Amino acid sequence: MTIRTGRCLCGAVNYQVEGEPLRAGLCHCRNCKRESGSSFTSYGVWPRAAFSSSGNVATHAGQSFCPACGSPLFGLSDGEAEIKLGSLDGAPTDIEPTYELWVKRRESWLQPLPHAEQFDEDRI
């Protein structure tokens, strides 16, 4: 079974996920742009039971980050763990996004991923 590890910039928070993600995507919504400080966020979603972490995190609007260095890391719900792919150790990974969300807010200079399904807003 594949085990992937990740951490924040300062190393105070560490996590691991087991197995392959249920799905992976890019999001171009305003919240993801602001949270990441970038033009989009890339993430993978695993079953919540496949996720474990150590260290103290702060959480705002469902997204957890390191309170010491501010690195955005993950969002947890009852059934899923959404991991910021940039926080994984060992990048680049073999995890390829299969969809893009909020493409109506994608920067005009960014091209759509050719193999990814495109959604104007959320998938649902």
PDB file of N, CA and C in Angstrom:
ATOM      1  N   MET A   1       0.844  -1.182   0.000  1.00  0.00           N
ATOM      2  CA  MET A   1       0.000   0.000   0.000  1.00  0.00           C
ATOM      3  C   MET A   1       0.890   1.247   0.000  1.00  0.00           C
ATOM      4  N   THR A   2       0.513   2.212  -0.797  1.00  0.00           N
ATOM      5  CA  THR A   2       1.235   3.468  -0.876  1.00  0.00           C
ATOM      6  C   THR A   2       0.979   4.304   0.370  1.00  0.00           C
ATOM      7  N   ILE A   3       2.031   4.820   0.955  1.00  0.00           N
ATOM      8  CA  ILE A   3       1.919   5.762   2.075  1.00  0.00           C
ATOM      9  C   ILE A   3       2.645   7.031   1.660  1.00  0.00           C
ATOM     10  N   ARG A   4       1.920   8.137   1.718  1.00  0.00           N
ATOM     11  CA  ARG A   4       2.505   9.433   1.398  1.00  0.00           C
ATOM     12  C   ARG A   4       2.547  10.267   2.673  1.00  0.00           C
ATOM     13  N   THR A   5       3.621  11.037   2.811  1.00  0.00           N
ATOM     14  CA  THR A   5       3.771  11.909   3.976  1.00  0.00           C
ATOM     15  C   THR A   5       3.833  13.352   3.503  1.00  0.00           C
ATOM     16  N   GLY A   6       3.524  14.244   4.433  1.00  0.00           N
ATOM     17  CA  GLY A   6       3.602  15.668   4.148  1.00  0.00           C
ATOM     18  C   GLY A   6       3.823  16.431   5.421  1.00  0.00           C
ATOM     19  N   ARG A   7       4.104  17.730   5.256  1.00  0.00           N
ATOM     20  CA  ARG A   7       4.358  18.545   6.436  1.00  0.00           C
ATOM     21  C   ARG A   7       4.243  20.012   6.072  1.00  0.00           C
ATOM     22  N   CYS A   8       4.241  20.823   7.100  1.00  0.00           N
ATOM     23  CA  CYS A   8       4.259  22.266   6.906  1.00  0.00           C
ATOM     24  C   CYS A   8       5.695  22.718   6.650  1.00  0.00           C
ATOM     25  N   LEU A   9       5.869  23.975   6.358  1.00  0.00           N
ATOM     26  CA  LEU A   9       7.182  24.532   6.039  1.00  0.00           C
ATOM     27  C   LEU A   9       8.173  24.407   7.195  1.00  0.00           C
ATOM     28  N   CYS A  10       7.708  24.624   8.425  1.00  0.00           N
ATOM     29  CA  CYS A  10       8.630  24.582   9.565  1.00  0.00           C
ATOM     30  C   CYS A  10       8.762  23.193  10.182  1.00  0.00           C
ATOM     31  N   GLY A  11       7.925  22.243   9.767  1.00  0.00           N
ATOM     32  CA  GLY A  11       8.019  20.879  10.275  1.00  0.00           C
ATOM     33  C   GLY A  11       7.277  20.618  11.568  1.00  0.00           C
ATOM     34  N   ALA A  12       6.540  21.585  12.080  1.00  0.00           N
ATOM     35  CA  ALA A  12       5.807  21.403  13.333  1.00  0.00           C
ATOM     36  C   ALA A  12       4.587  20.504  13.165  1.00  0.00           C
ATOM     37  N   VAL A  13       4.025  20.438  11.953  1.00  0.00           N
ATOM     38  CA  VAL A  13       2.864  19.594  11.667  1.00  0.00           C
ATOM     39  C   VAL A  13       3.267  18.602  10.587  1.00  0.00           C
ATOM     40  N   ASN A  14       3.009  17.340  10.847  1.00  0.00           N
ATOM     41  CA  ASN A  14       3.279  16.257   9.896  1.00  0.00           C
ATOM     42  C   ASN A  14       2.002  15.457   9.701  1.00  0.00           C
ATOM     43  N   TYR A  15       1.862  14.847   8.541  1.00  0.00           N
ATOM     44  CA  TYR A  15       0.706  13.996   8.296  1.00  0.00           C
ATOM     45  C   TYR A  15       1.090  12.871   7.352  1.00  0.00           C
ATOM     46  N   GLN A  16       0.210  11.893   7.260  1.00  0.00           N
ATOM     47  CA  GLN A  16       0.368  10.844   6.256  1.00  0.00           C
ATOM     48  C   GLN A  16      -0.997  10.396   5.773  1.00  0.00           C
ATOM     49  N   VAL A  17      -1.018   9.937   4.528  1.00  0.00           N
ATOM     50  CA  VAL A  17      -2.217   9.351   3.933  1.00  0.00           C
ATOM     51  C   VAL A  17      -1.826   8.006   3.343  1.00  0.00           C
ATOM     52  N   GLU A  18      -2.742   7.049   3.458  1.00  0.00           N
ATOM     53  CA  GLU A  18      -2.495   5.705   2.945  1.00  0.00           C
ATOM     54  C   GLU A  18      -3.347   5.460   1.719  1.00  0.00           C
ATOM     55  N   GLY A  19      -2.771   4.786   0.743  1.00  0.00           N
ATOM     56  CA  GLY A  19      -3.503   4.425  -0.462  1.00  0.00           C
ATOM     57  C   GLY A  19      -3.530   5.562  -1.468  1.00  0.00           C
ATOM     58  N   GLU A  20      -4.309   5.340  -2.501  1.00  0.00           N
ATOM     59  CA  GLU A  20      -4.445   6.327  -3.571  1.00  0.00           C
ATOM     60  C   GLU A  20      -5.600   7.278  -3.259  1.00  0.00           C
ATOM     61  N   PRO A  21      -5.524   8.500  -3.757  1.00  0.00           N
ATOM     62  CA  PRO A  21      -6.629   9.433  -3.513  1.00  0.00           C
ATOM     63  C   PRO A  21      -7.901   8.989  -4.225  1.00  0.00           C
ATOM     64  N   LEU A  22      -9.031   9.362  -3.649  1.00  0.00           N
ATOM     65  CA  LEU A  22     -10.324   9.113  -4.287  1.00  0.00           C
ATOM     66  C   LEU A  22     -10.465   9.944  -5.557  1.00  0.00           C
ATOM     67  N   ARG A  23      -9.904  11.161  -5.497  1.00  0.00           N
ATOM     68  CA  ARG A  23      -9.922  12.085  -6.633  1.00  0.00           C
ATOM     69  C   ARG A  23      -8.909  13.187  -6.369  1.00  0.00           C
ATOM     70  N   ALA A  24      -8.576  13.898  -7.425  1.00  0.00           N
ATOM     71  CA  ALA A  24      -7.653  15.025  -7.304  1.00  0.00           C
ATOM     72  C   ALA A  24      -8.103  16.107  -8.269  1.00  0.00           C
ATOM     73  N   GLY A  25      -7.941  17.358  -7.863  1.00  0.00           N
ATOM     74  CA  GLY A  25      -8.392  18.437  -8.718  1.00  0.00           C
ATOM     75  C   GLY A  25      -7.653  19.735  -8.467  1.00  0.00           C
ATOM     76  N   LEU A  26      -8.016  20.721  -9.271  1.00  0.00           N
ATOM     77  CA  LEU A  26      -7.557  22.095  -9.115  1.00  0.00           C
ATOM     78  C   LEU A  26      -8.774  22.950  -8.836  1.00  0.00           C
ATOM     79  N   CYS A  27      -8.618  23.971  -8.013  1.00  0.00           N
ATOM     80  CA  CYS A  27      -9.717  24.897  -7.753  1.00  0.00           C
ATOM     81  C   CYS A  27      -9.239  26.323  -7.976  1.00  0.00           C
ATOM     82  N   HIS A  28     -10.054  27.091  -8.716  1.00  0.00           N
ATOM     83  CA  HIS A  28      -9.736  28.469  -9.053  1.00  0.00           C
ATOM     84  C   HIS A  28     -10.642  29.462  -8.319  1.00  0.00           C
ATOM     85  N   CYS A  29     -11.359  29.008  -7.280  1.00  0.00           N
ATOM     86  CA  CYS A  29     -12.291  29.910  -6.584  1.00  0.00           C
ATOM     87  C   CYS A  29     -11.517  30.970  -5.786  1.00  0.00           C
ATOM     88  N   ARG A  30     -12.200  32.024  -5.419  1.00  0.00           N
ATOM     89  CA  ARG A  30     -11.551  33.121  -4.678  1.00  0.00           C
ATOM     90  C   ARG A  30     -10.972  32.657  -3.357  1.00  0.00           C
ATOM     91  N   ASN A  31     -11.703  31.808  -2.636  1.00  0.00           N
ATOM     92  CA  ASN A  31     -11.203  31.342  -1.342  1.00  0.00           C
ATOM     93  C   ASN A  31      -9.905  30.561  -1.493  1.00  0.00           C
ATOM     94  N   CYS A  32      -9.844  29.674  -2.475  1.00  0.00           N
ATOM     95  CA  CYS A  32      -8.622  28.887  -2.683  1.00  0.00           C
ATOM     96  C   CYS A  32      -7.458  29.774  -3.112  1.00  0.00           C
ATOM     97  N   LYS A  33      -7.754  30.777  -3.933  1.00  0.00           N
ATOM     98  CA  LYS A  33      -6.695  31.699  -4.341  1.00  0.00           C
ATOM     99  C   LYS A  33      -6.158  32.463  -3.131  1.00  0.00           C
ATOM    100  N   ARG A  34      -7.048  32.955  -2.306  1.00  0.00           N
ATOM    101  CA  ARG A  34      -6.614  33.723  -1.135  1.00  0.00           C
ATOM    102  C   ARG A  34      -5.878  32.850  -0.129  1.00  0.00           C
ATOM    103  N   GLU A  35      -6.415  31.660   0.106  1.00  0.00           N
ATOM    104  CA  GLU A  35      -5.804  30.761   1.076  1.00  0.00           C
ATOM    105  C   GLU A  35      -4.404  30.342   0.640  1.00  0.00           C
ATOM    106  N   SER A  36      -4.241  30.068  -0.647  1.00  0.00           N
ATOM    107  CA  SER A  36      -2.945  29.583  -1.137  1.00  0.00           C
ATOM    108  C   SER A  36      -1.985  30.710  -1.475  1.00  0.00           C
ATOM    109  N   GLY A  37      -2.523  31.917  -1.710  1.00  0.00           N
ATOM    110  CA  GLY A  37      -1.681  33.006  -2.162  1.00  0.00           C
ATOM    111  C   GLY A  37      -1.204  32.801  -3.585  1.00  0.00           C
ATOM    112  N   SER A  38      -1.938  31.973  -4.326  1.00  0.00           N
ATOM    113  CA  SER A  38      -1.564  31.636  -5.692  1.00  0.00           C
ATOM    114  C   SER A  38      -2.786  31.732  -6.598  1.00  0.00           C
ATOM    115  N   SER A  39      -2.651  31.320  -7.831  1.00  0.00           N
ATOM    116  CA  SER A  39      -3.739  31.422  -8.805  1.00  0.00           C
ATOM    117  C   SER A  39      -4.733  30.274  -8.732  1.00  0.00           C
ATOM    118  N   PHE A  40      -4.391  29.226  -8.013  1.00  0.00           N
ATOM    119  CA  PHE A  40      -5.279  28.078  -7.823  1.00  0.00           C
ATOM    120  C   PHE A  40      -4.729  27.214  -6.695  1.00  0.00           C
ATOM    121  N   THR A  41      -5.508  26.234  -6.289  1.00  0.00           N
ATOM    122  CA  THR A  41      -5.068  25.232  -5.316  1.00  0.00           C
ATOM    123  C   THR A  41      -5.173  23.864  -5.964  1.00  0.00           C
ATOM    124  N   SER A  42      -4.161  23.029  -5.751  1.00  0.00           N
ATOM    125  CA  SER A  42      -4.240  21.630  -6.182  1.00  0.00           C
ATOM    126  C   SER A  42      -4.395  20.779  -4.927  1.00  0.00           C
ATOM    127  N   TYR A  43      -5.264  19.794  -5.010  1.00  0.00           N
ATOM    128  CA  TYR A  43      -5.550  18.976  -3.827  1.00  0.00           C
ATOM    129  C   TYR A  43      -5.910  17.556  -4.227  1.00  0.00           C
ATOM    130  N   GLY A  44      -5.732  16.663  -3.285  1.00  0.00           N
ATOM    131  CA  GLY A  44      -6.160  15.276  -3.414  1.00  0.00           C
ATOM    132  C   GLY A  44      -7.080  14.959  -2.252  1.00  0.00           C
ATOM    133  N   VAL A  45      -8.049  14.086  -2.497  1.00  0.00           N
ATOM    134  CA  VAL A  45      -9.019  13.710  -1.475  1.00  0.00           C
ATOM    135  C   VAL A  45      -8.870  12.225  -1.172  1.00  0.00           C
ATOM    136  N   TRP A  46      -8.662  11.920   0.110  1.00  0.00           N
ATOM    137  CA  TRP A  46      -8.551  10.547   0.593  1.00  0.00           C
ATOM    138  C   TRP A  46      -9.690  10.267   1.566  1.00  0.00           C
ATOM    139  N   PRO A  47     -10.010   8.985   1.797  1.00  0.00           N
ATOM    140  CA  PRO A  47     -10.945   8.676   2.882  1.00  0.00           C
ATOM    141  C   PRO A  47     -10.370   9.187   4.205  1.00  0.00           C
ATOM    142  N   ARG A  48     -11.208   9.712   5.054  1.00  0.00           N
ATOM    143  CA  ARG A  48     -10.764  10.261   6.341  1.00  0.00           C
ATOM    144  C   ARG A  48      -9.987   9.230   7.150  1.00  0.00           C
ATOM    145  N   ALA A  49     -10.393   7.970   7.061  1.00  0.00           N
ATOM    146  CA  ALA A  49      -9.729   6.908   7.817  1.00  0.00           C
ATOM    147  C   ALA A  49      -8.306   6.645   7.332  1.00  0.00           C
ATOM    148  N   ALA A  50      -7.949   7.092   6.144  1.00  0.00           N
ATOM    149  CA  ALA A  50      -6.605   6.890   5.593  1.00  0.00           C
ATOM    150  C   ALA A  50      -5.635   7.987   6.018  1.00  0.00           C
ATOM    151  N   PHE A  51      -6.114   8.973   6.783  1.00  0.00           N
ATOM    152  CA  PHE A  51      -5.333  10.150   7.150  1.00  0.00           C
ATOM    153  C   PHE A  51      -4.980  10.141   8.630  1.00  0.00           C
ATOM    154  N   SER A  52      -3.762  10.552   8.952  1.00  0.00           N
ATOM    155  CA  SER A  52      -3.378  10.790  10.347  1.00  0.00           C
ATOM    156  C   SER A  52      -2.391  11.956  10.364  1.00  0.00           C
ATOM    157  N   SER A  53      -2.339  12.657  11.509  1.00  0.00           N
ATOM    158  CA  SER A  53      -1.439  13.804  11.611  1.00  0.00           C
ATOM    159  C   SER A  53      -0.902  13.942  13.031  1.00  0.00           C
ATOM    160  N   SER A  54       0.177  14.701  13.139  1.00  0.00           N
ATOM    161  CA  SER A  54       0.735  15.034  14.449  1.00  0.00           C
ATOM    162  C   SER A  54       1.113  16.507  14.429  1.00  0.00           C
ATOM    163  N   GLY A  55       1.080  17.113  15.598  1.00  0.00           N
ATOM    164  CA  GLY A  55       1.350  18.540  15.714  1.00  0.00           C
ATOM    165  C   GLY A  55       0.052  19.310  15.833  1.00  0.00           C
ATOM    166  N   ASN A  56       0.151  20.531  16.298  1.00  0.00           N
ATOM    167  CA  ASN A  56      -1.027  21.373  16.484  1.00  0.00           C
ATOM    168  C   ASN A  56      -1.317  22.170  15.222  1.00  0.00           C
ATOM    169  N   VAL A  57      -2.589  22.204  14.845  1.00  0.00           N
ATOM    170  CA  VAL A  57      -3.013  23.000  13.690  1.00  0.00           C
ATOM    171  C   VAL A  57      -4.038  24.032  14.135  1.00  0.00           C
ATOM    172  N   ALA A  58      -4.149  25.074  13.370  1.00  0.00           N
ATOM    173  CA  ALA A  58      -5.234  26.040  13.509  1.00  0.00           C
ATOM    174  C   ALA A  58      -6.152  25.798  12.323  1.00  0.00           C
ATOM    175  N   THR A  59      -7.433  26.089  12.507  1.00  0.00           N
ATOM    176  CA  THR A  59      -8.407  25.841  11.439  1.00  0.00           C
ATOM    177  C   THR A  59      -9.282  27.071  11.261  1.00  0.00           C
ATOM    178  N   HIS A  60      -9.475  27.427  10.000  1.00  0.00           N
ATOM    179  CA  HIS A  60     -10.370  28.528   9.641  1.00  0.00           C
ATOM    180  C   HIS A  60     -11.188  28.086   8.441  1.00  0.00           C
ATOM    181  N   ALA A  61     -12.495  28.230   8.539  1.00  0.00           N
ATOM    182  CA  ALA A  61     -13.411  27.875   7.440  1.00  0.00           C
ATOM    183  C   ALA A  61     -13.157  26.459   6.932  1.00  0.00           C
ATOM    184  N   GLY A  62     -12.859  25.545   7.852  1.00  0.00           N
ATOM    185  CA  GLY A  62     -12.686  24.144   7.492  1.00  0.00           C
ATOM    186  C   GLY A  62     -11.310  23.770   6.968  1.00  0.00           C
ATOM    187  N   GLN A  63     -10.419  24.734   6.839  1.00  0.00           N
ATOM    188  CA  GLN A  63      -9.077  24.466   6.324  1.00  0.00           C
ATOM    189  C   GLN A  63      -8.054  24.598   7.446  1.00  0.00           C
ATOM    190  N   SER A  64      -7.206  23.577   7.595  1.00  0.00           N
ATOM    191  CA  SER A  64      -6.213  23.558   8.665  1.00  0.00           C
ATOM    192  C   SER A  64      -4.852  23.984   8.148  1.00  0.00           C
ATOM    193  N   PHE A  65      -4.128  24.703   9.008  1.00  0.00           N
ATOM    194  CA  PHE A  65      -2.815  25.218   8.657  1.00  0.00           C
ATOM    195  C   PHE A  65      -1.948  25.235   9.901  1.00  0.00           C
ATOM    196  N   CYS A  66      -0.660  25.352   9.693  1.00  0.00           N
ATOM    197  CA  CYS A  66       0.268  25.420  10.820  1.00  0.00           C
ATOM    198  C   CYS A  66       0.196  26.810  11.441  1.00  0.00           C
ATOM    199  N   PRO A  67      -0.057  26.914  12.753  1.00  0.00           N
ATOM    200  CA  PRO A  67      -0.113  28.230  13.380  1.00  0.00           C
ATOM    201  C   PRO A  67       1.264  28.887  13.514  1.00  0.00           C
ATOM    202  N   ALA A  68       2.331  28.109  13.398  1.00  0.00           N
ATOM    203  CA  ALA A  68       3.678  28.677  13.524  1.00  0.00           C
ATOM    204  C   ALA A  68       4.159  29.308  12.212  1.00  0.00           C
ATOM    205  N   CYS A  69       4.010  28.579  11.084  1.00  0.00           N
ATOM    206  CA  CYS A  69       4.540  29.086   9.814  1.00  0.00           C
ATOM    207  C   CYS A  69       3.453  29.479   8.817  1.00  0.00           C
ATOM    208  N   GLY A  70       2.198  29.093   9.094  1.00  0.00           N
ATOM    209  CA  GLY A  70       1.084  29.489   8.238  1.00  0.00           C
ATOM    210  C   GLY A  70       0.834  28.605   7.038  1.00  0.00           C
ATOM    211  N   SER A  71       1.585  27.529   6.872  1.00  0.00           N
ATOM    212  CA  SER A  71       1.408  26.662   5.708  1.00  0.00           C
ATOM    213  C   SER A  71       0.012  26.055   5.661  1.00  0.00           C
ATOM    214  N   PRO A  72      -0.732  26.224   4.541  1.00  0.00           N
ATOM    215  CA  PRO A  72      -2.008  25.530   4.386  1.00  0.00           C
ATOM    216  C   PRO A  72      -1.744  24.045   4.150  1.00  0.00           C
ATOM    217  N   LEU A  73      -2.493  23.174   4.827  1.00  0.00           N
ATOM    218  CA  LEU A  73      -2.176  21.751   4.785  1.00  0.00           C
ATOM    219  C   LEU A  73      -3.333  20.861   4.342  1.00  0.00           C
ATOM    220  N   PHE A  74      -4.464  20.937   5.037  1.00  0.00           N
ATOM    221  CA  PHE A  74      -5.551  20.004   4.765  1.00  0.00           C
ATOM    222  C   PHE A  74      -6.872  20.528   5.308  1.00  0.00           C
ATOM    223  N   GLY A  75      -7.935  19.920   4.816  1.00  0.00           N
ATOM    224  CA  GLY A  75      -9.275  20.144   5.331  1.00  0.00           C
ATOM    225  C   GLY A  75      -9.878  18.793   5.656  1.00  0.00           C
ATOM    226  N   LEU A  76     -10.477  18.658   6.822  1.00  0.00           N
ATOM    227  CA  LEU A  76     -11.037  17.373   7.251  1.00  0.00           C
ATOM    228  C   LEU A  76     -12.535  17.473   7.414  1.00  0.00           C
ATOM    229  N   SER A  77     -13.222  16.441   6.959  1.00  0.00           N
ATOM    230  CA  SER A  77     -14.652  16.312   7.202  1.00  0.00           C
ATOM    231  C   SER A  77     -14.872  14.929   7.800  1.00  0.00           C
ATOM    232  N   ASP A  78     -16.118  14.581   8.069  1.00  0.00           N
ATOM    233  CA  ASP A  78     -16.397  13.266   8.654  1.00  0.00           C
ATOM    234  C   ASP A  78     -15.871  12.129   7.785  1.00  0.00           C
ATOM    235  N   GLY A  79     -16.010  12.265   6.473  1.00  0.00           N
ATOM    236  CA  GLY A  79     -15.663  11.149   5.593  1.00  0.00           C
ATOM    237  C   GLY A  79     -14.421  11.324   4.757  1.00  0.00           C
ATOM    238  N   GLU A  80     -13.892  12.560   4.664  1.00  0.00           N
ATOM    239  CA  GLU A  80     -12.797  12.783   3.731  1.00  0.00           C
ATOM    240  C   GLU A  80     -11.703  13.684   4.325  1.00  0.00           C
ATOM    241  N   ALA A  81     -10.517  13.514   3.774  1.00  0.00           N
ATOM    242  CA  ALA A  81      -9.376  14.383   4.080  1.00  0.00           C
ATOM    243  C   ALA A  81      -8.911  14.982   2.758  1.00  0.00           C
ATOM    244  N   GLU A  82      -8.997  16.300   2.656  1.00  0.00           N
ATOM    245  CA  GLU A  82      -8.556  17.004   1.449  1.00  0.00           C
ATOM    246  C   GLU A  82      -7.171  17.575   1.712  1.00  0.00           C
ATOM    247  N   ILE A  83      -6.167  17.067   1.011  1.00  0.00           N
ATOM    248  CA  ILE A  83      -4.777  17.409   1.239  1.00  0.00           C
ATOM    249  C   ILE A  83      -4.299  18.380   0.164  1.00  0.00           C
ATOM    250  N   LYS A  84      -3.629  19.445   0.575  1.00  0.00           N
ATOM    251  CA  LYS A  84      -2.988  20.353  -0.371  1.00  0.00           C
ATOM    252  C   LYS A  84      -1.777  19.627  -0.947  1.00  0.00           C
ATOM    253  N   LEU A  85      -1.797  19.351  -2.244  1.00  0.00           N
ATOM    254  CA  LEU A  85      -0.762  18.518  -2.853  1.00  0.00           C
ATOM    255  C   LEU A  85       0.636  19.120  -2.720  1.00  0.00           C
ATOM    256  N   GLY A  86       0.735  20.429  -2.663  1.00  0.00           N
ATOM    257  CA  GLY A  86       2.038  21.064  -2.512  1.00  0.00           C
ATOM    258  C   GLY A  86       2.686  20.816  -1.162  1.00  0.00           C
ATOM    259  N   SER A  87       1.917  20.331  -0.191  1.00  0.00           N
ATOM    260  CA  SER A  87       2.484  20.063   1.134  1.00  0.00           C
ATOM    261  C   SER A  87       3.002  18.630   1.268  1.00  0.00           C
ATOM    262  N   LEU A  88       2.818  17.820   0.228  1.00  0.00           N
ATOM    263  CA  LEU A  88       3.332  16.452   0.266  1.00  0.00           C
ATOM    264  C   LEU A  88       4.846  16.441   0.146  1.00  0.00           C
ATOM    265  N   ASP A  89       5.492  15.510   0.847  1.00  0.00           N
ATOM    266  CA  ASP A  89       6.920  15.272   0.673  1.00  0.00           C
ATOM    267  C   ASP A  89       7.113  14.539  -0.651  1.00  0.00           C
ATOM    268  N   GLY A  90       8.269  14.632  -1.203  1.00  0.00           N
ATOM    269  CA  GLY A  90       8.585  13.836  -2.385  1.00  0.00           C
ATOM    270  C   GLY A  90       7.975  14.337  -3.680  1.00  0.00           C
ATOM    271  N   ALA A  91       7.642  15.606  -3.752  1.00  0.00           N
ATOM    272  CA  ALA A  91       7.105  16.129  -5.013  1.00  0.00           C
ATOM    273  C   ALA A  91       8.218  16.140  -6.060  1.00  0.00           C
ATOM    274  N   PRO A  92       7.931  15.961  -7.321  1.00  0.00           N
ATOM    275  CA  PRO A  92       6.576  15.816  -7.846  1.00  0.00           C
ATOM    276  C   PRO A  92       6.021  14.421  -7.578  1.00  0.00           C
ATOM    277  N   THR A  93       4.718  14.371  -7.526  1.00  0.00           N
ATOM    278  CA  THR A  93       4.049  13.095  -7.283  1.00  0.00           C
ATOM    279  C   THR A  93       3.445  12.585  -8.583  1.00  0.00           C
ATOM    280  N   ASP A  94       2.870  11.413  -8.517  1.00  0.00           N
ATOM    281  CA  ASP A  94       2.172  10.842  -9.672  1.00  0.00           C
ATOM    282  C   ASP A  94       0.677  11.160  -9.628  1.00  0.00           C
ATOM    283  N   ILE A  95       0.273  12.034  -8.738  1.00  0.00           N
ATOM    284  CA  ILE A  95      -1.142  12.387  -8.607  1.00  0.00           C
ATOM    285  C   ILE A  95      -1.482  13.449  -9.641  1.00  0.00           C
ATOM    286  N   GLU A  96      -2.391  13.105 -10.520  1.00  0.00           N
ATOM    287  CA  GLU A  96      -2.754  14.003 -11.613  1.00  0.00           C
ATOM    288  C   GLU A  96      -4.201  14.461 -11.463  1.00  0.00           C
ATOM    289  N   PRO A  97      -4.444  15.766 -11.415  1.00  0.00           N
ATOM    290  CA  PRO A  97      -5.818  16.255 -11.302  1.00  0.00           C
ATOM    291  C   PRO A  97      -6.677  15.792 -12.485  1.00  0.00           C
ATOM    292  N   THR A  98      -7.895  15.375 -12.175  1.00  0.00           N
ATOM    293  CA  THR A  98      -8.810  14.914 -13.227  1.00  0.00           C
ATOM    294  C   THR A  98      -9.948  15.893 -13.466  1.00  0.00           C
ATOM    295  N   TYR A  99      -9.980  16.974 -12.692  1.00  0.00           N
ATOM    296  CA  TYR A  99     -11.003  17.992 -12.903  1.00  0.00           C
ATOM    297  C   TYR A  99     -10.516  19.337 -12.382  1.00  0.00           C
ATOM    298  N   GLU A 100     -11.166  20.402 -12.869  1.00  0.00           N
ATOM    299  CA  GLU A 100     -10.903  21.759 -12.406  1.00  0.00           C
ATOM    300  C   GLU A 100     -12.221  22.392 -12.004  1.00  0.00           C
ATOM    301  N   LEU A 101     -12.215  23.059 -10.855  1.00  0.00           N
ATOM    302  CA  LEU A 101     -13.400  23.739 -10.338  1.00  0.00           C
ATOM    303  C   LEU A 101     -13.274  25.241 -10.498  1.00  0.00           C
ATOM    304  N   TRP A 102     -14.404  25.905 -10.596  1.00  0.00           N
ATOM    305  CA  TRP A 102     -14.489  27.358 -10.677  1.00  0.00           C
ATOM    306  C   TRP A 102     -13.643  27.910 -11.821  1.00  0.00           C
ATOM    307  N   VAL A 103     -13.749  27.246 -12.988  1.00  0.00           N
ATOM    308  CA  VAL A 103     -12.948  27.676 -14.132  1.00  0.00           C
ATOM    309  C   VAL A 103     -13.371  29.057 -14.638  1.00  0.00           C
ATOM    310  N   LYS A 104     -14.571  29.502 -14.275  1.00  0.00           N
ATOM    311  CA  LYS A 104     -14.964  30.854 -14.672  1.00  0.00           C
ATOM    312  C   LYS A 104     -14.108  31.907 -13.970  1.00  0.00           C
ATOM    313  N   ARG A 105     -13.349  31.492 -12.953  1.00  0.00           N
ATOM    314  CA  ARG A 105     -12.448  32.411 -12.255  1.00  0.00           C
ATOM    315  C   ARG A 105     -10.975  32.075 -12.519  1.00  0.00           C
ATOM    316  N   ARG A 106     -10.739  31.163 -13.456  1.00  0.00           N
ATOM    317  CA  ARG A 106      -9.357  30.832 -13.814  1.00  0.00           C
ATOM    318  C   ARG A 106      -8.703  32.048 -14.469  1.00  0.00           C
ATOM    319  N   GLU A 107      -7.439  32.283 -14.163  1.00  0.00           N
ATOM    320  CA  GLU A 107      -6.698  33.379 -14.779  1.00  0.00           C
ATOM    321  C   GLU A 107      -6.666  33.176 -16.288  1.00  0.00           C
ATOM    322  N   SER A 108      -6.809  34.244 -17.048  1.00  0.00           N
ATOM    323  CA  SER A 108      -6.890  34.138 -18.504  1.00  0.00           C
ATOM    324  C   SER A 108      -5.608  33.589 -19.124  1.00  0.00           C
ATOM    325  N   TRP A 109      -4.486  33.737 -18.446  1.00  0.00           N
ATOM    326  CA  TRP A 109      -3.214  33.252 -18.973  1.00  0.00           C
ATOM    327  C   TRP A 109      -2.943  31.785 -18.637  1.00  0.00           C
ATOM    328  N   LEU A 110      -3.822  31.161 -17.843  1.00  0.00           N
ATOM    329  CA  LEU A 110      -3.697  29.741 -17.526  1.00  0.00           C
ATOM    330  C   LEU A 110      -4.544  28.928 -18.504  1.00  0.00           C
ATOM    331  N   GLN A 111      -3.963  27.928 -19.099  1.00  0.00           N
ATOM    332  CA  GLN A 111      -4.695  27.049 -20.009  1.00  0.00           C
ATOM    333  C   GLN A 111      -5.362  25.926 -19.212  1.00  0.00           C
ATOM    334  N   PRO A 112      -6.529  25.465 -19.668  1.00  0.00           N
ATOM    335  CA  PRO A 112      -7.170  24.325 -19.005  1.00  0.00           C
ATOM    336  C   PRO A 112      -6.290  23.074 -19.128  1.00  0.00           C
ATOM    337  N   LEU A 113      -6.345  22.240 -18.116  1.00  0.00           N
ATOM    338  CA  LEU A 113      -5.673  20.942 -18.233  1.00  0.00           C
ATOM    339  C   LEU A 113      -6.408  20.148 -19.310  1.00  0.00           C
ATOM    340  N   PRO A 114      -5.731  19.691 -20.342  1.00  0.00           N
ATOM    341  CA  PRO A 114      -6.415  19.076 -21.483  1.00  0.00           C
ATOM    342  C   PRO A 114      -7.163  17.789 -21.147  1.00  0.00           C
ATOM    343  N   HIS A 115      -6.727  17.057 -20.172  1.00  0.00           N
ATOM    344  CA  HIS A 115      -7.339  15.780 -19.823  1.00  0.00           C
ATOM    345  C   HIS A 115      -8.352  15.901 -18.666  1.00  0.00           C
ATOM    346  N   ALA A 116      -8.520  17.102 -18.116  1.00  0.00           N
ATOM    347  CA  ALA A 116      -9.349  17.281 -16.916  1.00  0.00           C
ATOM    348  C   ALA A 116     -10.747  17.785 -17.273  1.00  0.00           C
ATOM    349  N   GLU A 117     -11.723  17.259 -16.562  1.00  0.00           N
ATOM    350  CA  GLU A 117     -13.101  17.735 -16.707  1.00  0.00           C
ATOM    351  C   GLU A 117     -13.175  19.158 -16.150  1.00  0.00           C
ATOM    352  N   GLN A 118     -13.949  20.013 -16.790  1.00  0.00           N
ATOM    353  CA  GLN A 118     -14.023  21.427 -16.433  1.00  0.00           C
ATOM    354  C   GLN A 118     -15.401  21.745 -15.841  1.00  0.00           C
ATOM    355  N   PHE A 119     -15.414  22.472 -14.711  1.00  0.00           N
ATOM    356  CA  PHE A 119     -16.656  22.872 -14.065  1.00  0.00           C
ATOM    357  C   PHE A 119     -16.632  24.377 -13.838  1.00  0.00           C
ATOM    358  N   ASP A 120     -17.667  25.077 -14.261  1.00  0.00           N
ATOM    359  CA  ASP A 120     -17.747  26.527 -14.052  1.00  0.00           C
ATOM    360  C   ASP A 120     -17.691  26.881 -12.567  1.00  0.00           C
ATOM    361  N   GLU A 121     -18.333  26.058 -11.743  1.00  0.00           N
ATOM    362  CA  GLU A 121     -18.323  26.258 -10.288  1.00  0.00           C
ATOM    363  C   GLU A 121     -17.976  24.922  -9.645  1.00  0.00           C
ATOM    364  N   ASP A 122     -18.717  24.514  -8.601  1.00  0.00           N
ATOM    365  CA  ASP A 122     -18.453  23.237  -7.952  1.00  0.00           C
ATOM    366  C   ASP A 122     -18.932  22.061  -8.798  1.00  0.00           C
ATOM    367  N   ARG A 123     -18.436  20.854  -8.475  1.00  0.00           N
ATOM    368  CA  ARG A 123     -18.804  19.646  -9.219  1.00  0.00           C
ATOM    369  C   ARG A 123     -20.272  19.283  -9.012  1.00  0.00           C
ATOM    370  N   ILE A 124     -20.819  19.624  -7.887  1.00  0.00           N
ATOM    371  CA  ILE A 124     -22.181  19.174  -7.551  1.00  0.00           C
ATOM    372  C   ILE A 124     -23.201  20.195  -7.969  1.00  0.00           C
TER     373      ILE A 124
END
